[in-house]
C-alpha atoms as a PDB file:
ATOM      1  CA  MET A   1       0.190   0.076  -0.061  1.00  0.00           C
ATOM      2  CA  SER A   2       1.170   3.169  -0.972  1.00  0.00           C
ATOM      3  CA  ARG A   3       2.135   5.682   2.067  1.00  0.00           C
ATOM      4  CA  VAL A   4       0.768   8.527   0.464  1.00  0.00           C
ATOM      5  CA  LEU A   5      -2.973  10.223   0.663  1.00  0.00           C
ATOM      6  CA  PHE A   6      -4.269  13.805  -0.935  1.00  0.00           C
ATOM      7  CA  LEU A   7      -7.021  15.280   1.586  1.00  0.00           C
ATOM      8  CA  LYS A   8      -9.897  17.773   1.330  1.00  0.00           C
ATOM      9  CA  LEU A   9      -8.457  19.217   4.647  1.00  0.00           C
ATOM     10  CA  ALA A  10      -6.138  21.736   5.829  1.00  0.00           C
ATOM     11  CA  GLN A  11      -2.636  20.974   7.106  1.00  0.00           C
ATOM     12  CA  GLN A  12      -3.454  21.874  10.866  1.00  0.00           C
ATOM     13  CA  ASP A  13      -6.018  19.673  10.673  1.00  0.00           C
ATOM     14  CA  VAL A  14      -3.724  16.534   9.018  1.00  0.00           C
ATOM     15  CA  ILE A  15      -1.263  17.592  11.802  1.00  0.00           C
ATOM     16  CA  ALA A  16      -3.915  17.414  14.491  1.00  0.00           C
ATOM     17  CA  LYS A  17      -5.357  13.992  12.995  1.00  0.00           C
ATOM     18  CA  CYS A  18      -1.963  12.113  12.878  1.00  0.00           C
ATOM     19  CA  ASP A  19      -0.776  13.257  16.347  1.00  0.00           C
ATOM     20  CA  ALA A  20      -4.106  12.171  17.721  1.00  0.00           C
ATOM     21  CA  ALA A  21      -3.486   8.899  16.029  1.00  0.00           C
ATOM     22  CA  LYS A  22       0.025   8.900  17.228  1.00  0.00           C
ATOM     23  CA  VAL A  23       1.047   8.204  13.098  1.00  0.00           C
ATOM     24  CA  GLY A  24       4.147   9.655  11.985  1.00  0.00           C
ATOM     25  CA  ILE A  25       4.460  12.096   9.225  1.00  0.00           C
ATOM     26  CA  SER A  26       7.338  12.018   6.453  1.00  0.00           C
ATOM     27  CA  ALA A  27       5.887  15.059   4.603  1.00  0.00           C
ATOM     28  CA  LEU A  28       3.290  17.264   4.266  1.00  0.00           C
ATOM     29  CA  GLU A  29       2.363  19.335   1.259  1.00  0.00           C
ATOM     30  CA  LYS A  30      -0.220  22.407   0.420  1.00  0.00           C
ATOM     31  CA  LEU A  31      -1.952  21.362  -2.742  1.00  0.00           C
ATOM     32  CA  PRO A  32      -2.622  24.830  -5.076  1.00  0.00           C
ATOM     33  CA  ASP A  33      -5.977  23.484  -5.636  1.00  0.00           C
ATOM     34  CA  GLY A  34      -6.947  23.037  -2.251  1.00  0.00           C
ATOM     35  CA  GLY A  35      -6.036  20.478  -0.075  1.00  0.00           C
ATOM     36  CA  THR A  36      -3.040  18.256   1.499  1.00  0.00           C
ATOM     37  CA  ARG A  37      -0.591  15.594   0.441  1.00  0.00           C
ATOM     38  CA  LEU A  38       0.342  13.011   3.344  1.00  0.00           C
ATOM     39  CA  VAL A  39       3.073  11.438   3.252  1.00  0.00           C
ATOM     40  CA  CYS A  40       2.929   8.790   6.289  1.00  0.00           C
ATOM     41  CA  GLN A  41       6.056   7.307   7.641  1.00  0.00           C
ATOM     42  CA  SER A  42       4.735   3.796   7.366  1.00  0.00           C
ATOM     43  CA  SER A  43       1.948   1.875   5.740  1.00  0.00           C
ATOM     44  CA  ALA A  44       0.689   0.376   8.448  1.00  0.00           C
ATOM     45  CA  GLY A  45      -0.090   4.211   9.446  1.00  0.00           C
ATOM     46  CA  ALA A  46      -1.727   4.907   5.993  1.00  0.00           C
ATOM     47  CA  VAL A  47      -4.021   2.349   6.089  1.00  0.00           C
ATOM     48  CA  LEU A  48      -5.260   3.676   9.854  1.00  0.00           C
ATOM     49  CA  MET A  49      -5.189   7.264   8.567  1.00  0.00           C
ATOM     50  CA  THR A  50      -7.455   6.062   5.108  1.00  0.00           C
ATOM     51  CA  GLN A  51     -10.208   5.182   7.931  1.00  0.00           C
ATOM     52  CA  LYS A  52     -10.019   8.093   9.774  1.00  0.00           C
ATOM     53  CA  PHE A  53     -10.092  10.340   6.666  1.00  0.00           C
ATOM     54  CA  LYS A  54     -12.547   8.111   4.797  1.00  0.00           C
ATOM     55  CA  GLY A  55     -14.780  10.867   2.851  1.00  0.00           C
ATOM     56  CA  LYS A  56     -11.927  13.301   2.789  1.00  0.00           C
ATOM     57  CA  ILE A  57      -9.550  11.637   0.379  1.00  0.00           C
ATOM     58  CA  ILE A  58      -9.419  12.908  -2.990  1.00  0.00           C
ATOM     59  CA  ALA A  59      -7.594  11.627  -6.451  1.00  0.00           C
ATOM     60  CA  ASN A  60      -4.143  10.938  -6.585  1.00  0.00           C
ATOM     61  CA  ASP A  61      -3.886  12.553 -10.082  1.00  0.00           C
ATOM     62  CA  ALA A  62      -4.348  15.922  -7.551  1.00  0.00           C
ATOM     63  CA  ARG A  63      -2.027  18.666  -9.003  1.00  0.00           C
ATOM     64  CA  ARG A  64       0.744  19.561  -7.197  1.00  0.00           C
ATOM     65  CA  GLU A  65       3.781  22.314  -7.037  1.00  0.00           C
ATOM     66  CA  ARG A  66       6.809  21.740  -8.310  1.00  0.00           C
ATOM     67  CA  PHE A  67       8.879  21.852  -5.034  1.00  0.00           C
ATOM     68  CA  ARG A  68      10.481  19.110  -2.383  1.00  0.00           C
ATOM     69  CA  PRO A  69       8.329  19.309   0.937  1.00  0.00           C
ATOM     70  CA  ALA A  70      10.423  20.064   3.968  1.00  0.00           C
ATOM     71  CA  PHE A  71       8.394  18.981   6.611  1.00  0.00           C
ATOM     72  CA  SER A  72       9.300  16.006   8.805  1.00  0.00           C
ATOM     73  CA  ARG A  73       7.556  14.503  12.164  1.00  0.00           C
ATOM     74  CA  HIS A  74       8.667  11.972  14.281  1.00  0.00           C
END
């Protein structure tokens, strides 16, 4: 399973939910058309967050800006 999720949520909401679930974040990226790209540190974390964010997931082909995310949390 991929560790990447594209979400219809603001970054601070994604961080709060991941913290509450104790899921590590590898990268967090704001999408130009709205929403957030989340890369979990583990595939198990991605599975858990897929369940938690049900209804907030957008297509994996969402448009991204060209940059390298600088956000990492353990």
